[in-house]
Amino acid sequence: MFRVRHYVNDAQRSGGGHIGYGIREKYRGRGYATKGLALTIEKARDLVAEDELYLSLHKDNPASLRVQEKNGAYIHHSDEKEYYTRIPLEKTLEKSTKD
Protein backbone atom coordinates (compact mmCIF):
# COMPACT_ATOMS: atom_id res chain seq x y z
CA MET A 1 0.00 0.00 0.00
CA PHE A 2 1.29 3.46 -0.92
CA ARG A 3 -0.04 6.81 0.26
CA VAL A 4 0.84 10.37 -0.70
CA ARG A 5 0.35 13.46 1.44
CA HIS A 6 -0.26 16.38 -0.92
CA TYR A 7 1.41 18.73 1.54
CA VAL A 8 3.36 18.35 4.77
CA ASN A 9 3.50 20.46 7.89
CA ASP A 10 6.70 21.22 9.79
CA ALA A 11 6.43 18.08 11.94
CA GLN A 12 5.95 15.88 8.87
CA ARG A 13 8.87 17.57 7.12
CA SER A 14 11.18 16.28 9.83
CA GLY A 15 9.23 13.04 10.28
CA GLY A 16 7.04 10.84 8.13
CA GLY A 17 7.02 13.03 5.04
CA HIS A 18 5.00 12.82 1.84
CA ILE A 19 4.94 9.09 1.11
CA GLY A 20 4.26 6.09 3.28
CA TYR A 21 4.30 2.51 2.08
CA GLY A 22 4.29 -1.07 3.24
CA ILE A 23 4.48 -4.47 1.55
CA ARG A 24 3.08 -7.61 3.15
CA GLU A 25 5.83 -9.96 4.19
CA LYS A 26 4.85 -12.72 1.75
CA TYR A 27 5.27 -10.29 -1.19
CA ARG A 28 8.63 -8.80 -0.16
CA GLY A 29 11.76 -9.32 -2.22
CA ARG A 30 9.92 -9.32 -5.55
CA GLY A 31 10.48 -5.69 -6.59
CA TYR A 32 6.94 -4.57 -5.76
CA ALA A 33 8.10 -1.84 -3.37
CA THR A 34 10.58 -0.42 -5.87
CA LYS A 35 8.03 -0.33 -8.69
CA GLY A 36 5.24 0.86 -6.40
CA LEU A 37 7.35 3.72 -5.11
CA ALA A 38 8.33 4.68 -8.67
CA LEU A 39 4.66 4.86 -9.67
CA THR A 40 3.80 6.80 -6.51
CA ILE A 41 6.58 9.31 -7.21
CA GLU A 42 5.20 9.88 -10.72
CA LYS A 43 1.76 10.64 -9.26
CA ALA A 44 3.30 12.84 -6.57
CA ARG A 45 4.95 15.03 -9.23
CA ASP A 46 1.47 16.29 -10.11
CA LEU A 47 0.17 16.47 -6.53
CA VAL A 48 3.02 17.90 -4.46
CA ALA A 49 4.02 21.54 -4.85
CA GLU A 50 7.59 21.02 -3.59
CA ASP A 51 10.99 20.49 -5.15
CA GLU A 52 11.60 17.35 -3.09
CA LEU A 53 9.60 14.55 -1.53
CA TYR A 54 10.25 13.87 2.16
CA LEU A 55 10.35 10.28 3.40
CA SER A 56 11.63 8.41 6.43
CA LEU A 57 12.44 4.85 7.41
CA HIS A 58 13.69 2.88 10.38
CA LYS A 59 17.44 2.28 10.39
CA ASP A 60 16.81 -1.44 10.91
CA ASN A 61 15.10 -1.65 7.50
CA PRO A 62 17.91 -1.73 4.91
CA ALA A 63 15.56 -3.12 2.24
CA SER A 64 13.42 0.02 2.41
CA LEU A 65 16.53 2.19 2.16
CA ARG A 66 17.52 0.32 -1.02
CA VAL A 67 14.00 0.81 -2.43
CA GLN A 68 14.22 4.54 -1.83
CA GLU A 69 17.77 4.83 -3.18
CA LYS A 70 16.76 2.97 -6.36
CA ASN A 71 14.13 5.69 -6.78
CA GLY A 72 16.58 8.57 -6.41
CA ALA A 73 16.50 9.14 -2.64
CA TYR A 74 19.43 10.28 -0.56
CA ILE A 75 19.80 10.40 3.22
CA HIS A 76 19.25 14.00 4.27
CA HIS A 77 19.79 13.41 7.99
CA SER A 78 19.26 10.80 10.69
CA ASP A 79 18.70 10.30 14.38
CA GLU A 80 19.13 7.27 16.64
CA LYS A 81 16.27 5.32 15.03
CA GLU A 82 15.43 6.86 11.65
CA TYR A 83 16.87 7.92 8.33
CA TYR A 84 15.16 10.95 6.79
CA THR A 85 15.45 10.86 3.03
CA ARG A 86 14.65 13.18 0.16
CA ILE A 87 13.76 12.47 -3.44
CA PRO A 88 14.27 15.42 -5.80
CA LEU A 89 11.31 16.16 -8.06
CA GLU A 90 12.77 17.30 -11.34
CA LYS A 91 9.90 19.06 -13.04
CA THR A 92 11.37 19.23 -16.50
CA LEU A 93 10.31 21.40 -19.41
CA GLU A 94 9.81 18.23 -21.45
CA LYS A 95 7.24 16.94 -18.93
CA SER A 96 5.35 20.22 -18.80
CA THR A 97 5.16 20.50 -22.61
CA LYS A 98 3.57 17.03 -22.82
CA ASP A 99 0.62 18.18 -20.67
C-alpha atoms as a PDB file:
ATOM      1  CA  MET A   1       0.000   0.000   0.000  1.00  0.00           C
ATOM      2  CA  PHE A   2       1.292   3.457  -0.916  1.00  0.00           C
ATOM      3  CA  ARG A   3      -0.041   6.814   0.260  1.00  0.00           C
ATOM      4  CA  VAL A   4       0.838  10.372  -0.697  1.00  0.00           C
ATOM      5  CA  ARG A   5       0.349  13.458   1.440  1.00  0.00           C
ATOM      6  CA  HIS A   6      -0.264  16.382  -0.916  1.00  0.00           C
ATOM      7  CA  TYR A   7       1.414  18.728   1.544  1.00  0.00           C
ATOM      8  CA  VAL A   8       3.355  18.345   4.767  1.00  0.00           C
ATOM      9  CA  ASN A   9       3.496  20.457   7.889  1.00  0.00           C
ATOM     10  CA  ASP A  10       6.703  21.217   9.787  1.00  0.00           C
ATOM     11  CA  ALA A  11       6.434  18.082  11.943  1.00  0.00           C
ATOM     12  CA  GLN A  12       5.949  15.879   8.872  1.00  0.00           C
ATOM     13  CA  ARG A  13       8.871  17.573   7.123  1.00  0.00           C
ATOM     14  CA  SER A  14      11.180  16.282   9.831  1.00  0.00           C
ATOM     15  CA  GLY A  15       9.231  13.045  10.281  1.00  0.00           C
ATOM     16  CA  GLY A  16       7.042  10.840   8.126  1.00  0.00           C
ATOM     17  CA  GLY A  17       7.020  13.028   5.044  1.00  0.00           C
ATOM     18  CA  HIS A  18       5.002  12.822   1.840  1.00  0.00           C
ATOM     19  CA  ILE A  19       4.944   9.092   1.107  1.00  0.00           C
ATOM     20  CA  GLY A  20       4.261   6.091   3.281  1.00  0.00           C
ATOM     21  CA  TYR A  21       4.303   2.507   2.082  1.00  0.00           C
ATOM     22  CA  GLY A  22       4.291  -1.069   3.235  1.00  0.00           C
ATOM     23  CA  ILE A  23       4.483  -4.466   1.554  1.00  0.00           C
ATOM     24  CA  ARG A  24       3.077  -7.606   3.146  1.00  0.00           C
ATOM     25  CA  GLU A  25       5.833  -9.962   4.188  1.00  0.00           C
ATOM     26  CA  LYS A  26       4.853 -12.723   1.748  1.00  0.00           C
ATOM     27  CA  TYR A  27       5.268 -10.285  -1.190  1.00  0.00           C
ATOM     28  CA  ARG A  28       8.628  -8.802  -0.163  1.00  0.00           C
ATOM     29  CA  GLY A  29      11.758  -9.325  -2.219  1.00  0.00           C
ATOM     30  CA  ARG A  30       9.921  -9.318  -5.554  1.00  0.00           C
ATOM     31  CA  GLY A  31      10.478  -5.695  -6.593  1.00  0.00           C
ATOM     32  CA  TYR A  32       6.938  -4.567  -5.758  1.00  0.00           C
ATOM     33  CA  ALA A  33       8.100  -1.843  -3.370  1.00  0.00           C
ATOM     34  CA  THR A  34      10.585  -0.422  -5.872  1.00  0.00           C
ATOM     35  CA  LYS A  35       8.032  -0.334  -8.686  1.00  0.00           C
ATOM     36  CA  GLY A  36       5.236   0.855  -6.405  1.00  0.00           C
ATOM     37  CA  LEU A  37       7.347   3.722  -5.106  1.00  0.00           C
ATOM     38  CA  ALA A  38       8.326   4.677  -8.666  1.00  0.00           C
ATOM     39  CA  LEU A  39       4.655   4.859  -9.670  1.00  0.00           C
ATOM     40  CA  THR A  40       3.804   6.803  -6.512  1.00  0.00           C
ATOM     41  CA  ILE A  41       6.576   9.314  -7.212  1.00  0.00           C
ATOM     42  CA  GLU A  42       5.197   9.876 -10.715  1.00  0.00           C
ATOM     43  CA  LYS A  43       1.759  10.643  -9.263  1.00  0.00           C
ATOM     44  CA  ALA A  44       3.299  12.838  -6.566  1.00  0.00           C
ATOM     45  CA  ARG A  45       4.950  15.026  -9.233  1.00  0.00           C
ATOM     46  CA  ASP A  46       1.474  16.289 -10.109  1.00  0.00           C
ATOM     47  CA  LEU A  47       0.169  16.466  -6.533  1.00  0.00           C
ATOM     48  CA  VAL A  48       3.015  17.904  -4.462  1.00  0.00           C
ATOM     49  CA  ALA A  49       4.021  21.541  -4.851  1.00  0.00           C
ATOM     50  CA  GLU A  50       7.588  21.020  -3.591  1.00  0.00           C
ATOM     51  CA  ASP A  51      10.994  20.489  -5.154  1.00  0.00           C
ATOM     52  CA  GLU A  52      11.597  17.348  -3.093  1.00  0.00           C
ATOM     53  CA  LEU A  53       9.599  14.548  -1.528  1.00  0.00           C
ATOM     54  CA  TYR A  54      10.247  13.872   2.156  1.00  0.00           C
ATOM     55  CA  LEU A  55      10.347  10.276   3.402  1.00  0.00           C
ATOM     56  CA  SER A  56      11.635   8.407   6.429  1.00  0.00           C
ATOM     57  CA  LEU A  57      12.440   4.855   7.415  1.00  0.00           C
ATOM     58  CA  HIS A  58      13.690   2.882  10.384  1.00  0.00           C
ATOM     59  CA  LYS A  59      17.441   2.280  10.391  1.00  0.00           C
ATOM     60  CA  ASP A  60      16.813  -1.436  10.915  1.00  0.00           C
ATOM     61  CA  ASN A  61      15.102  -1.653   7.496  1.00  0.00           C
ATOM     62  CA  PRO A  62      17.912  -1.725   4.905  1.00  0.00           C
ATOM     63  CA  ALA A  63      15.560  -3.122   2.243  1.00  0.00           C
ATOM     64  CA  SER A  64      13.422   0.023   2.414  1.00  0.00           C
ATOM     65  CA  LEU A  65      16.528   2.192   2.163  1.00  0.00           C
ATOM     66  CA  ARG A  66      17.519   0.317  -1.018  1.00  0.00           C
ATOM     67  CA  VAL A  67      14.003   0.807  -2.428  1.00  0.00           C
ATOM     68  CA  GLN A  68      14.215   4.540  -1.826  1.00  0.00           C
ATOM     69  CA  GLU A  69      17.765   4.833  -3.180  1.00  0.00           C
ATOM     70  CA  LYS A  70      16.759   2.967  -6.358  1.00  0.00           C
ATOM     71  CA  ASN A  71      14.135   5.689  -6.778  1.00  0.00           C
ATOM     72  CA  GLY A  72      16.584   8.566  -6.410  1.00  0.00           C
ATOM     73  CA  ALA A  73      16.500   9.139  -2.644  1.00  0.00           C
ATOM     74  CA  TYR A  74      19.428  10.282  -0.563  1.00  0.00           C
ATOM     75  CA  ILE A  75      19.800  10.400   3.219  1.00  0.00           C
ATOM     76  CA  HIS A  76      19.246  13.997   4.273  1.00  0.00           C
ATOM     77  CA  HIS A  77      19.795  13.410   7.995  1.00  0.00           C
ATOM     78  CA  SER A  78      19.256  10.804  10.690  1.00  0.00           C
ATOM     79  CA  ASP A  79      18.705  10.301  14.383  1.00  0.00           C
ATOM     80  CA  GLU A  80      19.126   7.269  16.637  1.00  0.00           C
ATOM     81  CA  LYS A  81      16.269   5.320  15.033  1.00  0.00           C
ATOM     82  CA  GLU A  82      15.426   6.859  11.652  1.00  0.00           C
ATOM     83  CA  TYR A  83      16.870   7.924   8.329  1.00  0.00           C
ATOM     84  CA  TYR A  84      15.164  10.947   6.787  1.00  0.00           C
ATOM     85  CA  THR A  85      15.445  10.856   3.032  1.00  0.00           C
ATOM     86  CA  ARG A  86      14.654  13.184   0.163  1.00  0.00           C
ATOM     87  CA  ILE A  87      13.757  12.474  -3.441  1.00  0.00           C
ATOM     88  CA  PRO A  88      14.272  15.421  -5.800  1.00  0.00           C
ATOM     89  CA  LEU A  89      11.314  16.163  -8.063  1.00  0.00           C
ATOM     90  CA  GLU A  90      12.766  17.296 -11.343  1.00  0.00           C
ATOM     91  CA  LYS A  91       9.901  19.062 -13.040  1.00  0.00           C
ATOM     92  CA  THR A  92      11.371  19.226 -16.503  1.00  0.00           C
ATOM     93  CA  LEU A  93      10.312  21.403 -19.410  1.00  0.00           C
ATOM     94  CA  GLU A  94       9.807  18.231 -21.454  1.00  0.00           C
ATOM     95  CA  LYS A  95       7.242  16.938 -18.934  1.00  0.00           C
ATOM     96  CA  SER A  96       5.349  20.222 -18.805  1.00  0.00           C
ATOM     97  CA  THR A  97       5.165  20.495 -22.608  1.00  0.00           C
ATOM     98  CA  LYS A  98       3.571  17.034 -22.816  1.00  0.00           C
ATOM     99  CA  ASP A  99       0.616  18.175 -20.674  1.00  0.00           C
END
